[in-house]
C-alpha atoms as a PDB file:
ATOM      1  CA  MET A   1      64.506 107.459 107.992  1.00  0.00           C
ATOM      2  CA  GLU A   2      67.915 105.992 106.821  1.00  0.00           C
ATOM      3  CA  THR A   3      69.582 106.590 109.736  1.00  0.00           C
ATOM      4  CA  GLY A   4      66.691 105.029 111.967  1.00  0.00           C
ATOM      5  CA  VAL A   5      67.222 101.915 109.994  1.00  0.00           C
ATOM      6  CA  LEU A   6      70.924 101.890 110.547  1.00  0.00           C
ATOM      7  CA  LEU A   7      71.075 102.457 114.040  1.00  0.00           C
ATOM      8  CA  ARG A   8      68.537  99.732 115.088  1.00  0.00           C
ATOM      9  CA  PRO A   9      70.982  96.987 114.870  1.00  0.00           C
ATOM     10  CA  VAL A  10      73.240  98.904 117.387  1.00  0.00           C
ATOM     11  CA  TRP A  11      70.785  99.950 119.642  1.00  0.00           C
ATOM     12  CA  CYS A  12      69.834  96.476 119.811  1.00  0.00           C
ATOM     13  CA  HIS A  13      73.353  95.358 120.345  1.00  0.00           C
ATOM     14  CA  LEU A  14      73.872  97.271 122.923  1.00  0.00           C
ATOM     15  CA  ASN A  15      70.543  96.197 124.422  1.00  0.00           C
ATOM     16  CA  ARG A  16      71.364  93.086 124.332  1.00  0.00           C
ATOM     17  CA  LEU A  17      74.938  93.682 125.877  1.00  0.00           C
ATOM     18  CA  HIS A  18      75.926  91.347 129.352  1.00  0.00           C
ATOM     19  CA  LEU A  19      79.180  92.874 130.684  1.00  0.00           C
ATOM     20  CA  PRO A  20      81.452  90.479 132.030  1.00  0.00           C
ATOM     21  CA  SER A  21      81.045  89.822 135.961  1.00  0.00           C
ATOM     22  CA  SER A  22      84.343  88.188 136.150  1.00  0.00           C
ATOM     23  CA  ARG A  23      86.903  88.942 138.607  1.00  0.00           C
ATOM     24  CA  CYS A  24      89.575  91.346 136.761  1.00  0.00           C
ATOM     25  CA  SER A  25      93.284  92.057 138.473  1.00  0.00           C
ATOM     26  CA  LYS A  26      94.101  95.329 140.424  1.00  0.00           C
ATOM     27  CA  ILE A  27      93.074  98.017 138.771  1.00  0.00           C
ATOM     28  CA  VAL A  28      96.648  99.861 138.289  1.00  0.00           C
ATOM     29  CA  SER A  29      96.936 103.865 138.962  1.00  0.00           C
ATOM     30  CA  SER A  30      96.308 105.949 135.967  1.00  0.00           C
ATOM     31  CA  PHE A  31      98.696 108.248 136.569  1.00  0.00           C
ATOM     32  CA  SER A  32     101.510 105.955 137.911  1.00  0.00           C
ATOM     33  CA  GLY A  33     102.601 105.292 133.931  1.00  0.00           C
ATOM     34  CA  LYS A  34     102.064 101.370 134.251  1.00  0.00           C
ATOM     35  CA  GLU A  35     101.275  99.678 131.411  1.00  0.00           C
ATOM     36  CA  GLU A  36      97.056  98.611 132.117  1.00  0.00           C
ATOM     37  CA  ASN A  37      96.784  94.805 131.743  1.00  0.00           C
ATOM     38  CA  ARG A  38      93.382  94.811 131.116  1.00  0.00           C
ATOM     39  CA  THR A  39      91.224  94.610 128.008  1.00  0.00           C
ATOM     40  CA  TYR A  40      87.975  94.023 127.072  1.00  0.00           C
ATOM     41  CA  LYS A  41      87.243  91.169 125.845  1.00  0.00           C
ATOM     42  CA  GLY A  42      83.408  91.317 125.481  1.00  0.00           C
ATOM     43  CA  PRO A  43      81.246  91.991 121.894  1.00  0.00           C
ATOM     44  CA  ARG A  44      82.212  94.107 119.324  1.00  0.00           C
ATOM     45  CA  PRO A  45      80.068  95.971 116.872  1.00  0.00           C
ATOM     46  CA  ASN A  46      79.823  94.021 112.912  1.00  0.00           C
ATOM     47  CA  ARG A  47      81.218  95.492 110.382  1.00  0.00           C
ATOM     48  CA  GLU A  48      78.769  95.797 106.778  1.00  0.00           C
ATOM     49  CA  LEU A  49      80.541  93.129 104.873  1.00  0.00           C
ATOM     50  CA  VAL A  50      79.101  94.714 101.735  1.00  0.00           C
ATOM     51  CA  ALA A  51      79.968  98.551 102.287  1.00  0.00           C
ATOM     52  CA  ASP A  52      83.433  97.457 103.365  1.00  0.00           C
ATOM     53  CA  TRP A  53      84.214  95.391  99.605  1.00  0.00           C
ATOM     54  CA  VAL A  54      82.692  98.542  98.118  1.00  0.00           C
ATOM     55  CA  SER A  55      85.156 100.673  99.302  1.00  0.00           C
ATOM     56  CA  LYS A  56      88.013  98.004  98.586  1.00  0.00           C
ATOM     57  CA  ASN A  57      86.994  97.911  94.903  1.00  0.00           C
ATOM     58  CA  ASP A  58      86.357 101.234  93.927  1.00  0.00           C
ATOM     59  CA  GLU A  59      87.152 101.226  90.532  1.00  0.00           C
ATOM     60  CA  THR A  60      85.220  97.686  89.879  1.00  0.00           C
ATOM     61  CA  VAL A  61      82.465  99.213  91.000  1.00  0.00           C
ATOM     62  CA  ARG A  62      82.700 102.090  89.170  1.00  0.00           C
ATOM     63  CA  ARG A  63      82.963  99.820  85.357  1.00  0.00           C
ATOM     64  CA  LEU A  64      80.081  97.857  86.713  1.00  0.00           C
ATOM     65  CA  PRO A  65      77.409  99.368  85.152  1.00  0.00           C
ATOM     66  CA  ILE A  66      79.464  99.979  81.497  1.00  0.00           C
ATOM     67  CA  VAL A  67      80.060  95.941  81.553  1.00  0.00           C
ATOM     68  CA  VAL A  68      76.361  95.446  82.234  1.00  0.00           C
ATOM     69  CA  GLY A  69      75.066  97.810  79.726  1.00  0.00           C
ATOM     70  CA  GLY A  70      77.560  96.287  76.899  1.00  0.00           C
ATOM     71  CA  VAL A  71      77.113  92.883  77.847  1.00  0.00           C
ATOM     72  CA  SER A  72      73.082  94.124  77.052  1.00  0.00           C
ATOM     73  CA  LEU A  73      73.779  95.303  73.553  1.00  0.00           C
ATOM     74  CA  LEU A  74      75.548  92.428  72.667  1.00  0.00           C
ATOM     75  CA  ALA A  75      73.057  90.306  73.763  1.00  0.00           C
ATOM     76  CA  VAL A  76      70.245  92.014  71.814  1.00  0.00           C
ATOM     77  CA  LEU A  77      72.155  91.447  68.634  1.00  0.00           C
ATOM     78  CA  PHE A  78      72.896  87.824  69.482  1.00  0.00           C
ATOM     79  CA  ASN A  79      69.006  87.462  69.767  1.00  0.00           C
ATOM     80  CA  ARG A  80      67.929  89.068  66.571  1.00  0.00           C
ATOM     81  CA  SER A  81      70.650  87.045  64.948  1.00  0.00           C
ATOM     82  CA  ILE A  82      69.267  84.168  65.444  1.00  0.00           C
ATOM     83  CA  SER A  83      65.760  84.263  65.980  1.00  0.00           C
ATOM     84  CA  GLY A  84      65.799  85.033  62.325  1.00  0.00           C
ATOM     85  CA  ILE A  85      63.786  88.600  62.579  1.00  0.00           C
ATOM     86  CA  ALA A  86      64.750  91.562  60.086  1.00  0.00           C
ATOM     87  CA  PRO A  87      67.854  94.077  61.144  1.00  0.00           C
ATOM     88  CA  VAL A  88      65.398  97.174  60.000  1.00  0.00           C
ATOM     89  CA  SER A  89      63.699  97.915  63.202  1.00  0.00           C
ATOM     90  CA  ASP A  90      59.611  97.292  62.475  1.00  0.00           C
ATOM     91  CA  ALA A  91      57.265  99.256  64.810  1.00  0.00           C
ATOM     92  CA  SER A  92      54.575  96.545  64.322  1.00  0.00           C
ATOM     93  CA  SER A  93      56.669  94.113  65.985  1.00  0.00           C
ATOM     94  CA  SER A  94      56.804  93.689  70.031  1.00  0.00           C
ATOM     95  CA  GLN A  95      59.654  92.263  69.351  1.00  0.00           C
ATOM     96  CA  SER A  96      61.569  95.093  67.859  1.00  0.00           C
ATOM     97  CA  ARG A  97      59.873  97.333  70.696  1.00  0.00           C
ATOM     98  CA  THR A  98      61.293  95.587  73.514  1.00  0.00           C
ATOM     99  CA  ASP A  99      64.603  95.741  71.397  1.00  0.00           C
ATOM    100  CA  LEU A 100      64.767  99.084  71.375  1.00  0.00           C
ATOM    101  CA  LEU A 101      63.580  99.608  74.958  1.00  0.00           C
ATOM    102  CA  THR A 102      66.724  96.872  75.816  1.00  0.00           C
ATOM    103  CA  ILE A 103      69.239  99.027  74.102  1.00  0.00           C
ATOM    104  CA  GLY A 104      67.792 101.949  75.811  1.00  0.00           C
ATOM    105  CA  LEU A 105      68.607 100.959  78.651  1.00  0.00           C
ATOM    106  CA  ALA A 106      72.080  99.426  77.916  1.00  0.00           C
ATOM    107  CA  VAL A 107      73.317 102.893  76.642  1.00  0.00           C
ATOM    108  CA  THR A 108      71.984 104.388  79.756  1.00  0.00           C
ATOM    109  CA  ASN A 109      74.198 102.076  82.001  1.00  0.00           C
ATOM    110  CA  ILE A 110      76.881 102.520  79.341  1.00  0.00           C
ATOM    111  CA  LEU A 111      76.516 106.381  80.187  1.00  0.00           C
ATOM    112  CA  ASN A 112      76.278 106.032  83.875  1.00  0.00           C
ATOM    113  CA  GLY A 113      79.387 103.956  84.184  1.00  0.00           C
ATOM    114  CA  LEU A 114      81.490 106.233  81.972  1.00  0.00           C
ATOM    115  CA  VAL A 115      80.081 109.228  84.584  1.00  0.00           C
ATOM    116  CA  TRP A 116      80.967 107.014  87.457  1.00  0.00           C
ATOM    117  CA  LEU A 117      84.598 107.246  85.799  1.00  0.00           C
ATOM    118  CA  SER A 118      84.695 110.955  84.953  1.00  0.00           C
ATOM    119  CA  ILE A 119      84.009 111.545  88.754  1.00  0.00           C
ATOM    120  CA  GLN A 120      86.728 110.385  90.860  1.00  0.00           C
ATOM    121  CA  PRO A 121      86.121 111.866  94.921  1.00  0.00           C
ATOM    122  CA  LYS A 122      89.636 112.730  96.379  1.00  0.00           C
ATOM    123  CA  TYR A 123      91.280 110.350  98.387  1.00  0.00           C
ATOM    124  CA  ILE A 124      92.071 111.496 102.103  1.00  0.00           C
ATOM    125  CA  ALA A 125      94.910 109.763 103.030  1.00  0.00           C
ATOM    126  CA  PRO A 126      94.783 109.075 107.215  1.00  0.00           C
ATOM    127  CA  VAL A 127      97.617 110.909 108.893  1.00  0.00           C
ATOM    128  CA  PRO A 128      99.563 108.663 111.311  1.00  0.00           C
ATOM    129  CA  PRO A 129      99.446 110.356 114.968  1.00  0.00           C
ATOM    130  CA  GLN A 130     102.709 111.418 116.450  1.00  0.00           C
ATOM    131  CA  GLY A 131     102.571 111.285 120.123  1.00  0.00           C
ATOM    132  CA  VAL A 132     102.989 107.915 122.640  1.00  0.00           C
ATOM    133  CA  GLN A 133     100.522 105.701 123.646  1.00  0.00           C
ATOM    134  CA  CYS A 134      98.240 105.920 126.473  1.00  0.00           C
ATOM    135  CA  LYS A 135      96.261 103.834 128.515  1.00  0.00           C
ATOM    136  CA  ARG A 136      95.235 105.780 131.808  1.00  0.00           C
ATOM    137  CA  ILE A 137      92.055 104.548 133.943  1.00  0.00           C
ATOM    138  CA  TYR A 138      90.796 106.563 137.026  1.00  0.00           C
ATOM    139  CA  PRO A 139      91.767 104.112 140.358  1.00  0.00           C
ATOM    140  CA  ASN A 140      89.552 102.640 142.078  1.00  0.00           C
ATOM    141  CA  LEU A 141      86.299 102.687 139.561  1.00  0.00           C
ATOM    142  CA  PRO A 142      83.917  99.845 139.509  1.00  0.00           C
ATOM    143  CA  GLU A 143      84.721  96.994 137.722  1.00  0.00           C
ATOM    144  CA  ASN A 144      81.704  97.706 135.741  1.00  0.00           C
ATOM    145  CA  LEU A 145      82.093 100.917 134.931  1.00  0.00           C
ATOM    146  CA  VAL A 146      86.108 100.507 133.746  1.00  0.00           C
ATOM    147  CA  SER A 147      84.999  97.218 131.003  1.00  0.00           C
ATOM    148  CA  GLU A 148      82.401  99.398 129.619  1.00  0.00           C
ATOM    149  CA  LEU A 149      84.770 102.471 128.987  1.00  0.00           C
ATOM    150  CA  LEU A 150      86.811  99.610 127.653  1.00  0.00           C
ATOM    151  CA  TRP A 151      84.413  98.307 125.235  1.00  0.00           C
ATOM    152  CA  PHE A 152      83.547 102.246 124.200  1.00  0.00           C
ATOM    153  CA  TRP A 153      87.660 102.339 123.019  1.00  0.00           C
ATOM    154  CA  GLU A 154      87.129  98.966 121.440  1.00  0.00           C
ATOM    155  CA  SER A 155      84.409  99.825 119.849  1.00  0.00           C
ATOM    156  CA  LEU A 156      85.335 103.180 118.157  1.00  0.00           C
ATOM    157  CA  THR A 157      88.945 101.838 116.974  1.00  0.00           C
ATOM    158  CA  GLU A 158      87.094  98.901 115.015  1.00  0.00           C
ATOM    159  CA  VAL A 159      84.298 100.876 113.035  1.00  0.00           C
ATOM    160  CA  THR A 160      86.106 104.457 113.065  1.00  0.00           C
ATOM    161  CA  CYS A 161      89.046 106.776 112.276  1.00  0.00           C
ATOM    162  CA  CYS A 162      89.196 107.160 116.364  1.00  0.00           C
ATOM    163  CA  LYS A 163      93.305 107.040 117.524  1.00  0.00           C
ATOM    164  CA  SER A 164      92.593 109.173 121.016  1.00  0.00           C
ATOM    165  CA  LEU A 165      89.753 109.244 123.163  1.00  0.00           C
ATOM    166  CA  VAL A 166      89.605 110.725 126.617  1.00  0.00           C
ATOM    167  CA  VAL A 167      86.308 110.439 128.791  1.00  0.00           C
ATOM    168  CA  VAL A 168      86.048 113.515 131.714  1.00  0.00           C
ATOM    169  CA  HIS A 169      83.103 113.277 134.105  1.00  0.00           C
ATOM    170  CA  GLY A 170      82.912 116.139 136.562  1.00  0.00           C
ATOM    171  CA  LYS A 171      86.620 116.700 138.077  1.00  0.00           C
ATOM    172  CA  LEU A 172      87.627 113.341 136.927  1.00  0.00           C
ATOM    173  CA  CYS A 173      89.673 111.637 133.613  1.00  0.00           C
ATOM    174  CA  LEU A 174      88.097 108.659 133.693  1.00  0.00           C
ATOM    175  CA  LEU A 175      89.720 107.343 130.727  1.00  0.00           C
ATOM    176  CA  GLN A 176      92.747 108.241 128.865  1.00  0.00           C
ATOM    177  CA  ILE A 177      93.598 106.087 126.077  1.00  0.00           C
ATOM    178  CA  GLY A 178      95.393 105.554 122.408  1.00  0.00           C
ATOM    179  CA  VAL A 179      97.590 108.333 120.784  1.00  0.00           C
ATOM    180  CA  ALA A 180      98.499 111.161 123.224  1.00  0.00           C
ATOM    181  CA  ALA A 181     101.207 113.886 123.266  1.00  0.00           C
ATOM    182  CA  GLU A 182     103.650 113.475 124.479  1.00  0.00           C
ATOM    183  CA  SER A 183     104.426 115.738 127.813  1.00  0.00           C
ATOM    184  CA  SER A 184     107.761 117.828 127.792  1.00  0.00           C
ATOM    185  CA  ALA A 185     108.326 117.282 131.585  1.00  0.00           C
ATOM    186  CA  SER A 186     108.396 113.470 131.026  1.00  0.00           C
ATOM    187  CA  ARG A 187     110.274 111.727 127.925  1.00  0.00           C
ATOM    188  CA  GLY A 188     107.785 109.040 126.959  1.00  0.00           C
ATOM    189  CA  GLU A 189     104.587 110.106 128.911  1.00  0.00           C
ATOM    190  CA  ALA A 190     101.672 111.220 127.921  1.00  0.00           C
ATOM    191  CA  ILE A 191     100.387 114.508 128.698  1.00  0.00           C
ATOM    192  CA  VAL A 192      97.690 114.713 132.073  1.00  0.00           C
ATOM    193  CA  VAL A 193      94.397 116.102 131.086  1.00  0.00           C
ATOM    194  CA  ASP A 194      93.880 119.181 132.951  1.00  0.00           C
ATOM    195  CA  THR A 195      90.104 118.325 133.493  1.00  0.00           C
ATOM    196  CA  ILE A 196      89.500 122.258 134.655  1.00  0.00           C
ATOM    197  CA  ALA A 197      90.699 124.012 131.695  1.00  0.00           C
ATOM    198  CA  LEU A 198      89.277 121.627 129.673  1.00  0.00           C
ATOM    199  CA  LEU A 199      85.424 121.551 130.559  1.00  0.00           C
ATOM    200  CA  GLN A 200      86.030 125.990 131.168  1.00  0.00           C
ATOM    201  CA  GLY A 201      87.137 126.193 127.582  1.00  0.00           C
ATOM    202  CA  SER A 202      85.518 127.635 124.468  1.00  0.00           C
ATOM    203  CA  LEU A 203      84.790 124.217 122.609  1.00  0.00           C
ATOM    204  CA  CYS A 204      83.443 122.178 125.767  1.00  0.00           C
ATOM    205  CA  GLN A 205      81.545 125.190 126.651  1.00  0.00           C
ATOM    206  CA  ASP A 206      79.587 125.153 123.771  1.00  0.00           C
ATOM    207  CA  ALA A 207      78.899 121.543 123.681  1.00  0.00           C
ATOM    208  CA  THR A 208      78.059 120.813 126.912  1.00  0.00           C
ATOM    209  CA  LYS A 209      75.758 124.182 127.252  1.00  0.00           C
ATOM    210  CA  SER A 210      73.802 122.734 124.128  1.00  0.00           C
ATOM    211  CA  GLY A 211      73.821 119.481 124.989  1.00  0.00           C
ATOM    212  CA  THR A 212      74.646 118.110 121.347  1.00  0.00           C
ATOM    213  CA  GLN A 213      77.907 117.223 119.357  1.00  0.00           C
ATOM    214  CA  ARG A 214      80.485 118.851 117.985  1.00  0.00           C
ATOM    215  CA  TYR A 215      82.685 117.595 115.698  1.00  0.00           C
ATOM    216  CA  LEU A 216      85.683 119.475 114.052  1.00  0.00           C
ATOM    217  CA  ALA A 217      85.915 117.894 110.759  1.00  0.00           C
ATOM    218  CA  ASN A 218      89.698 119.533 110.040  1.00  0.00           C
ATOM    219  CA  LEU A 219      91.079 120.910 113.300  1.00  0.00           C
ATOM    220  CA  SER A 220      94.014 122.602 112.241  1.00  0.00           C
ATOM    221  CA  LEU A 221      91.174 125.405 111.015  1.00  0.00           C
ATOM    222  CA  TYR A 222      90.195 125.826 114.360  1.00  0.00           C
ATOM    223  CA  PRO A 223      92.334 128.288 116.926  1.00  0.00           C
ATOM    224  CA  ALA A 224      90.711 126.866 119.920  1.00  0.00           C
ATOM    225  CA  LYS A 225      92.524 123.668 119.285  1.00  0.00           C
ATOM    226  CA  SER A 226      95.110 124.907 121.639  1.00  0.00           C
ATOM    227  CA  GLU A 227      92.399 123.414 124.290  1.00  0.00           C
ATOM    228  CA  LEU A 228      92.876 119.878 123.433  1.00  0.00           C
ATOM    229  CA  PRO A 229      96.823 120.117 124.365  1.00  0.00           C
ATOM    230  CA  PHE A 230      96.417 116.358 125.617  1.00  0.00           C
ATOM    231  CA  LEU A 231      95.791 114.993 121.690  1.00  0.00           C
ATOM    232  CA  PRO A 232      98.710 114.766 119.215  1.00  0.00           C
ATOM    233  CA  SER A 233      99.588 117.657 117.361  1.00  0.00           C
ATOM    234  CA  ASN A 234      98.384 116.574 114.394  1.00  0.00           C
ATOM    235  CA  THR A 235      95.417 115.441 115.033  1.00  0.00           C
ATOM    236  CA  GLN A 236      92.682 115.581 111.829  1.00  0.00           C
ATOM    237  CA  ALA A 237      89.665 115.801 113.297  1.00  0.00           C
ATOM    238  CA  VAL A 238      87.552 115.869 116.479  1.00  0.00           C
ATOM    239  CA  ILE A 239      84.472 115.220 118.209  1.00  0.00           C
ATOM    240  CA  LEU A 240      83.269 116.762 121.461  1.00  0.00           C
ATOM    241  CA  GLN A 241      80.319 114.714 123.066  1.00  0.00           C
ATOM    242  CA  PRO A 242      78.949 115.778 125.915  1.00  0.00           C
ATOM    243  CA  LEU A 243      78.434 113.390 129.142  1.00  0.00           C
ATOM    244  CA  GLU A 244      75.611 113.542 131.385  1.00  0.00           C
ATOM    245  CA  ASN A 245      75.695 117.754 132.442  1.00  0.00           C
ATOM    246  CA  ASN A 246      79.256 117.875 133.546  1.00  0.00           C
ATOM    247  CA  GLY A 247      81.178 116.103 131.427  1.00  0.00           C
ATOM    248  CA  ILE A 248      82.789 115.887 127.957  1.00  0.00           C
ATOM    249  CA  ILE A 249      83.876 112.973 125.480  1.00  0.00           C
ATOM    250  CA  VAL A 250      86.990 113.819 123.429  1.00  0.00           C
ATOM    251  CA  VAL A 251      87.465 111.347 120.129  1.00  0.00           C
ATOM    252  CA  GLY A 252      90.530 112.499 117.724  1.00  0.00           C
ATOM    253  CA  GLY A 253      90.710 111.253 114.576  1.00  0.00           C
ATOM    254  CA  ASP A 254      93.669 110.761 112.264  1.00  0.00           C
ATOM    255  CA  THR A 255      91.624 111.527 109.139  1.00  0.00           C
ATOM    256  CA  ILE A 256      90.373 114.910 108.077  1.00  0.00           C
ATOM    257  CA  ARG A 257      86.302 114.359 108.157  1.00  0.00           C
ATOM    258  CA  GLY A 258      86.786 110.964 108.802  1.00  0.00           C
ATOM    259  CA  PHE A 259      84.066 110.515 111.068  1.00  0.00           C
ATOM    260  CA  THR A 260      81.156 109.641 108.829  1.00  0.00           C
ATOM    261  CA  ASN A 261      77.010 110.597 110.138  1.00  0.00           C
ATOM    262  CA  THR A 262      76.931 107.118 111.036  1.00  0.00           C
ATOM    263  CA  ASP A 263      80.284 107.283 113.115  1.00  0.00           C
ATOM    264  CA  GLN A 264      78.461 110.308 114.580  1.00  0.00           C
ATOM    265  CA  ALA A 265      75.118 108.616 115.384  1.00  0.00           C
ATOM    266  CA  TRP A 266      76.818 105.409 116.910  1.00  0.00           C
ATOM    267  CA  ILE A 267      79.260 107.711 119.050  1.00  0.00           C
ATOM    268  CA  SER A 268      76.369 109.652 120.243  1.00  0.00           C
ATOM    269  CA  LEU A 269      74.411 106.351 121.289  1.00  0.00           C
ATOM    270  CA  PHE A 270      77.419 104.613 122.871  1.00  0.00           C
ATOM    271  CA  SER A 271      77.644 108.083 125.020  1.00  0.00           C
ATOM    272  CA  ASP A 272      73.963 107.657 126.083  1.00  0.00           C
ATOM    273  CA  LYS A 273      75.219 104.077 127.338  1.00  0.00           C
ATOM    274  CA  LEU A 274      78.019 105.298 129.235  1.00  0.00           C
ATOM    275  CA  GLY A 275      76.225 107.730 130.649  1.00  0.00           C
ATOM    276  CA  ALA A 276      73.272 105.721 132.012  1.00  0.00           C
ATOM    277  CA  THR A 277      76.457 103.387 133.267  1.00  0.00           C
ATOM    278  CA  ILE A 278      78.514 106.216 134.963  1.00  0.00           C
ATOM    279  CA  ALA A 279      74.984 107.566 136.595  1.00  0.00           C
ATOM    280  CA  LYS A 280      74.776 104.235 138.937  1.00  0.00           C
ATOM    281  CA  PHE A 281      78.352 105.062 140.297  1.00  0.00           C
ATOM    282  CA  SER A 282      77.586 109.392 139.973  1.00  0.00           C
ATOM    283  CA  GLU A 283      77.930 109.360 144.024  1.00  0.00           C
ATOM    284  CA  GLY A 284      80.931 107.503 144.225  1.00  0.00           C
ATOM    285  CA  LEU A 285      82.792 109.400 141.918  1.00  0.00           C
ATOM    286  CA  THR A 286      81.631 112.825 143.209  1.00  0.00           C
ATOM    287  CA  VAL A 287      83.393 112.011 146.096  1.00  0.00           C
ATOM    288  CA  ALA A 288      86.276 110.954 144.498  1.00  0.00           C
ATOM    289  CA  GLY A 289      86.156 114.353 143.029  1.00  0.00           C
ATOM    290  CA  GLN A 290      85.893 116.530 145.915  1.00  0.00           C
ATOM    291  CA  ASN A 291      88.757 114.495 147.699  1.00  0.00           C
END
């Protein structure tokens, strides 16, 4: 139920999306090594302001129950001191019973705050990926498809720990963007994605055959990480999201277990939206892949 509530705004946002129809500059070949000047200027997902504030003020939030409990105890004592009620608790007095209940709740708050302070989650620091910046878009793609690919990238980097993104459909690498591993043959250039080897690897095969997302929360623990040589060597987490029946989306992050359940659901939703757009141009992409 909670996941549905979180995803509803995203789904409505996707339905209201209007991709830009203005003319864009000519697409530079994705394998030429030149910088791509096109950027996405459409809508971006909103952040949860309350969640962000709580995350940035963790210590304050943990101490809040202690403060509330302490203030409540002082308020009860002050009320009894000015109300003229005897300090000894009298079970026949409704005021005394109310004060006892308030004291119990205040003590519960204080104890809850102490528990929150005693339990400190282990902080996992992001690891800056080691590689080169890359922005490769397959040439001659339809303008709407390019715009949505860039929208997909901008959305992921805005709300998740995503630092690398690869979108493969059939034999074509539609998009390789973010930080990528540096090619040993050409210094300063990113490794080109071998789409055939990628789709035939065990990681992608498991994801595409099952049709479900695979989340490698700690990539260093998986020997099959060698199937993703185009990602930075110190990539911490990876999501493999099937795209249609013959494609895969590879999302690389800079934090171990950095993708939350909500992030994974968003990526699944985004892939469905992207897959619907690719389906409109599937015939042209199939011909390009055969050539």
